[in-house]
Amino acid sequence: AKSGTSRVLETCPVGLEQFLSSKRVRDTKSNRREVIRLVLMEQWRQRTAGVNDPEQLARLSLMKSAEASVVAQKRGKFQEMAKKMHE
């Protein structure tokens, strides 16, 4: 008889894909650092110019976050498919 853990791993891949690719983990961390860097640079630019434009900060963050959103949507579709296969 198989243990409960191995049965779950064998029949339910939902959530496991994030552990399969160290490149994906590195890319995610890199994207986060890039968003932070862009926002901090824009804050510095605004301060030195005497400007306060929080909407511009939000636009920068959203622009970079859109890339991560595409990956998250793909992951969500995979999870939905996996769930349907195992119902």
N, C-alpha and C. Protein backbone atom coordinates (compact mmCIF):
# COMPACT_ATOMS: atom_id res chain seq x y z
N ALA A 1 0.84 -1.20 0.00
CA ALA A 1 0.00 0.00 0.00
C ALA A 1 0.88 1.24 0.00
N LYS A 2 0.42 2.25 -0.72
CA LYS A 2 1.18 3.50 -0.80
C LYS A 2 0.82 4.38 0.38
N SER A 3 1.79 5.18 0.81
CA SER A 3 1.51 6.11 1.89
C SER A 3 0.63 7.23 1.37
N GLY A 4 -0.04 7.95 2.27
CA GLY A 4 -0.90 9.06 1.87
C GLY A 4 -0.15 10.12 1.11
N THR A 5 1.08 10.40 1.53
CA THR A 5 1.88 11.44 0.87
C THR A 5 2.19 11.06 -0.57
N SER A 6 2.65 9.83 -0.81
CA SER A 6 3.00 9.47 -2.18
C SER A 6 1.75 9.40 -3.06
N ARG A 7 0.61 9.03 -2.49
CA ARG A 7 -0.63 9.03 -3.25
C ARG A 7 -1.00 10.44 -3.68
N VAL A 8 -0.85 11.41 -2.79
CA VAL A 8 -1.16 12.80 -3.12
C VAL A 8 -0.21 13.30 -4.20
N LEU A 9 1.07 13.02 -4.07
CA LEU A 9 2.04 13.46 -5.06
C LEU A 9 1.76 12.83 -6.42
N GLU A 10 1.30 11.61 -6.42
CA GLU A 10 1.05 10.90 -7.66
C GLU A 10 -0.23 11.38 -8.34
N THR A 11 -1.23 11.75 -7.57
CA THR A 11 -2.54 12.06 -8.15
C THR A 11 -2.87 13.54 -8.20
N CYS A 12 -2.14 14.38 -7.51
CA CYS A 12 -2.53 15.79 -7.45
C CYS A 12 -1.32 16.71 -7.62
N PRO A 13 -1.02 17.08 -8.87
CA PRO A 13 0.14 17.92 -9.12
C PRO A 13 -0.09 19.39 -8.81
N VAL A 14 -1.30 19.77 -8.40
CA VAL A 14 -1.61 21.17 -8.17
C VAL A 14 -0.67 21.74 -7.12
N GLY A 15 -0.01 22.83 -7.48
CA GLY A 15 0.90 23.49 -6.56
C GLY A 15 2.33 23.00 -6.65
N LEU A 16 2.54 21.83 -7.18
CA LEU A 16 3.89 21.28 -7.22
C LEU A 16 4.74 21.88 -8.33
N GLU A 17 4.10 22.43 -9.37
CA GLU A 17 4.89 22.95 -10.47
C GLU A 17 5.83 24.06 -10.04
N GLN A 18 5.46 24.78 -8.98
CA GLN A 18 6.33 25.87 -8.54
C GLN A 18 7.65 25.34 -7.97
N PHE A 19 7.68 24.10 -7.55
CA PHE A 19 8.90 23.52 -7.01
C PHE A 19 9.75 22.85 -8.08
N LEU A 20 9.23 22.72 -9.27
CA LEU A 20 9.93 22.00 -10.32
C LEU A 20 10.96 22.84 -11.05
N SER A 21 10.82 24.15 -11.02
CA SER A 21 11.71 24.99 -11.79
C SER A 21 12.40 26.03 -10.91
N SER A 22 13.67 25.82 -10.67
CA SER A 22 14.41 26.82 -9.89
C SER A 22 14.56 28.10 -10.71
N LYS A 23 14.51 27.99 -12.04
CA LYS A 23 14.57 29.17 -12.89
C LYS A 23 13.35 30.05 -12.64
N ARG A 24 12.17 29.44 -12.50
CA ARG A 24 10.96 30.22 -12.23
C ARG A 24 11.08 30.97 -10.90
N VAL A 25 11.64 30.30 -9.90
CA VAL A 25 11.84 30.95 -8.60
C VAL A 25 12.81 32.13 -8.74
N ARG A 26 13.91 31.91 -9.46
CA ARG A 26 14.88 32.99 -9.67
C ARG A 26 14.26 34.14 -10.45
N ASP A 27 13.48 33.81 -11.49
CA ASP A 27 12.82 34.85 -12.29
C ASP A 27 11.84 35.67 -11.45
N THR A 28 11.09 34.99 -10.60
CA THR A 28 10.13 35.68 -9.74
C THR A 28 10.84 36.64 -8.80
N LYS A 29 11.90 36.18 -8.17
CA LYS A 29 12.67 37.05 -7.26
C LYS A 29 13.29 38.21 -8.02
N SER A 30 13.78 37.94 -9.20
CA SER A 30 14.39 38.98 -10.02
C SER A 30 13.36 40.04 -10.41
N ASN A 31 12.16 39.60 -10.79
CA ASN A 31 11.10 40.54 -11.14
C ASN A 31 10.72 41.41 -9.95
N ARG A 32 10.63 40.82 -8.77
CA ARG A 32 10.30 41.60 -7.56
C ARG A 32 11.38 42.66 -7.31
N ARG A 33 12.65 42.24 -7.41
CA ARG A 33 13.74 43.20 -7.18
C ARG A 33 13.69 44.32 -8.21
N GLU A 34 13.37 43.97 -9.46
CA GLU A 34 13.30 44.98 -10.52
C GLU A 34 12.18 45.98 -10.27
N VAL A 35 11.03 45.51 -9.81
CA VAL A 35 9.92 46.42 -9.49
C VAL A 35 10.34 47.37 -8.37
N ILE A 36 10.94 46.83 -7.35
CA ILE A 36 11.39 47.66 -6.22
C ILE A 36 12.41 48.68 -6.69
N ARG A 37 13.37 48.23 -7.50
CA ARG A 37 14.40 49.14 -8.01
C ARG A 37 13.79 50.26 -8.83
N LEU A 38 12.87 49.92 -9.74
CA LEU A 38 12.24 50.94 -10.58
C LEU A 38 11.47 51.96 -9.75
N VAL A 39 10.72 51.48 -8.77
CA VAL A 39 9.93 52.38 -7.93
C VAL A 39 10.84 53.28 -7.10
N LEU A 40 11.90 52.71 -6.52
CA LEU A 40 12.82 53.52 -5.73
C LEU A 40 13.53 54.58 -6.58
N MET A 41 13.91 54.18 -7.79
CA MET A 41 14.56 55.15 -8.68
C MET A 41 13.59 56.28 -9.05
N GLU A 42 12.33 55.94 -9.30
CA GLU A 42 11.34 56.95 -9.64
C GLU A 42 11.05 57.85 -8.44
N GLN A 43 11.00 57.28 -7.25
CA GLN A 43 10.82 58.10 -6.04
C GLN A 43 11.96 59.10 -5.90
N TRP A 44 13.19 58.62 -6.11
CA TRP A 44 14.35 59.50 -6.02
C TRP A 44 14.26 60.61 -7.08
N ARG A 45 13.89 60.23 -8.31
CA ARG A 45 13.75 61.22 -9.38
C ARG A 45 12.71 62.27 -9.02
N GLN A 46 11.58 61.81 -8.48
CA GLN A 46 10.52 62.75 -8.11
C GLN A 46 10.98 63.67 -6.98
N ARG A 47 11.65 63.12 -5.97
CA ARG A 47 12.11 63.95 -4.86
C ARG A 47 13.09 65.02 -5.33
N THR A 48 14.03 64.62 -6.18
CA THR A 48 15.03 65.60 -6.64
C THR A 48 14.41 66.65 -7.55
N ALA A 49 13.29 66.30 -8.20
CA ALA A 49 12.61 67.26 -9.08
C ALA A 49 11.51 68.02 -8.34
N GLY A 50 11.32 67.70 -7.06
CA GLY A 50 10.26 68.37 -6.29
C GLY A 50 8.86 67.96 -6.72
N VAL A 51 8.73 66.75 -7.19
CA VAL A 51 7.45 66.24 -7.70
C VAL A 51 6.96 65.14 -6.77
N ASN A 52 5.62 65.04 -6.66
CA ASN A 52 5.01 63.93 -5.91
C ASN A 52 3.91 63.35 -6.79
N ASP A 53 4.21 62.23 -7.45
CA ASP A 53 3.27 61.61 -8.38
C ASP A 53 3.11 60.12 -8.06
N PRO A 54 2.26 59.80 -7.06
CA PRO A 54 2.07 58.40 -6.69
C PRO A 54 1.47 57.56 -7.82
N GLU A 55 0.71 58.20 -8.71
CA GLU A 55 0.14 57.46 -9.84
C GLU A 55 1.24 56.94 -10.77
N GLN A 56 2.29 57.72 -10.96
CA GLN A 56 3.42 57.28 -11.78
C GLN A 56 4.12 56.09 -11.13
N LEU A 57 4.26 56.13 -9.82
CA LEU A 57 4.86 55.00 -9.10
C LEU A 57 4.00 53.74 -9.31
N ALA A 58 2.70 53.92 -9.21
CA ALA A 58 1.79 52.78 -9.40
C ALA A 58 1.88 52.25 -10.83
N ARG A 59 1.96 53.15 -11.81
CA ARG A 59 2.06 52.71 -13.21
C ARG A 59 3.33 51.88 -13.44
N LEU A 60 4.43 52.33 -12.88
CA LEU A 60 5.68 51.57 -13.03
C LEU A 60 5.54 50.17 -12.44
N SER A 61 4.98 50.11 -11.26
CA SER A 61 4.81 48.82 -10.59
C SER A 61 3.86 47.93 -11.38
N LEU A 62 2.75 48.48 -11.84
CA LEU A 62 1.79 47.69 -12.60
C LEU A 62 2.36 47.19 -13.92
N MET A 63 3.14 48.03 -14.56
CA MET A 63 3.73 47.65 -15.84
C MET A 63 4.60 46.39 -15.67
N LYS A 64 5.44 46.41 -14.67
CA LYS A 64 6.32 45.25 -14.44
C LYS A 64 5.54 44.08 -13.88
N SER A 65 4.53 44.36 -13.07
CA SER A 65 3.74 43.29 -12.48
C SER A 65 2.89 42.57 -13.52
N ALA A 66 2.60 43.23 -14.63
CA ALA A 66 1.80 42.60 -15.69
C ALA A 66 2.50 41.35 -16.21
N GLU A 67 3.83 41.39 -16.27
CA GLU A 67 4.58 40.22 -16.72
C GLU A 67 4.35 39.04 -15.77
N ALA A 68 4.40 39.33 -14.49
CA ALA A 68 4.19 38.28 -13.48
C ALA A 68 2.75 37.77 -13.54
N SER A 69 1.83 38.64 -13.88
CA SER A 69 0.42 38.27 -13.98
C SER A 69 0.20 37.22 -15.06
N VAL A 70 0.90 37.35 -16.18
CA VAL A 70 0.78 36.38 -17.27
C VAL A 70 1.22 35.00 -16.79
N VAL A 71 2.32 34.95 -16.07
CA VAL A 71 2.82 33.67 -15.54
C VAL A 71 1.81 33.10 -14.54
N ALA A 72 1.27 33.96 -13.68
CA ALA A 72 0.30 33.50 -12.68
C ALA A 72 -0.97 32.96 -13.35
N GLN A 73 -1.40 33.60 -14.43
CA GLN A 73 -2.59 33.12 -15.13
C GLN A 73 -2.33 31.75 -15.76
N LYS A 74 -1.16 31.56 -16.32
CA LYS A 74 -0.81 30.25 -16.88
C LYS A 74 -0.79 29.19 -15.79
N ARG A 75 -0.22 29.54 -14.64
CA ARG A 75 -0.17 28.60 -13.52
C ARG A 75 -1.58 28.26 -13.06
N GLY A 76 -2.44 29.27 -13.02
CA GLY A 76 -3.82 29.04 -12.60
C GLY A 76 -4.57 28.12 -13.55
N LYS A 77 -4.33 28.28 -14.85
CA LYS A 77 -4.97 27.40 -15.84
C LYS A 77 -4.49 25.97 -15.66
N PHE A 78 -3.20 25.81 -15.40
CA PHE A 78 -2.66 24.47 -15.15
C PHE A 78 -3.33 23.85 -13.93
N GLN A 79 -3.46 24.63 -12.86
CA GLN A 79 -4.06 24.11 -11.64
C GLN A 79 -5.52 23.74 -11.86
N GLU A 80 -6.23 24.56 -12.64
CA GLU A 80 -7.63 24.26 -12.94
C GLU A 80 -7.75 22.96 -13.72
N MET A 81 -6.87 22.78 -14.72
CA MET A 81 -6.88 21.55 -15.51
C MET A 81 -6.56 20.34 -14.62
N ALA A 82 -5.57 20.49 -13.76
CA ALA A 82 -5.18 19.39 -12.89
C ALA A 82 -6.31 19.02 -11.94
N LYS A 83 -7.00 20.02 -11.45
CA LYS A 83 -8.12 19.77 -10.54
C LYS A 83 -9.21 18.99 -11.26
N LYS A 84 -9.55 19.41 -12.49
CA LYS A 84 -10.60 18.72 -13.25
C LYS A 84 -10.21 17.29 -13.56
N MET A 85 -8.95 17.05 -13.82
CA MET A 85 -8.49 15.70 -14.13
C MET A 85 -8.60 14.77 -12.93
N HIS A 86 -8.56 15.33 -11.73
CA HIS A 86 -8.53 14.50 -10.54
C HIS A 86 -9.83 14.55 -9.75
N GLU A 87 -10.86 15.07 -10.37
CA GLU A 87 -12.18 15.08 -9.68
C GLU A 87 -12.90 13.78 -9.92
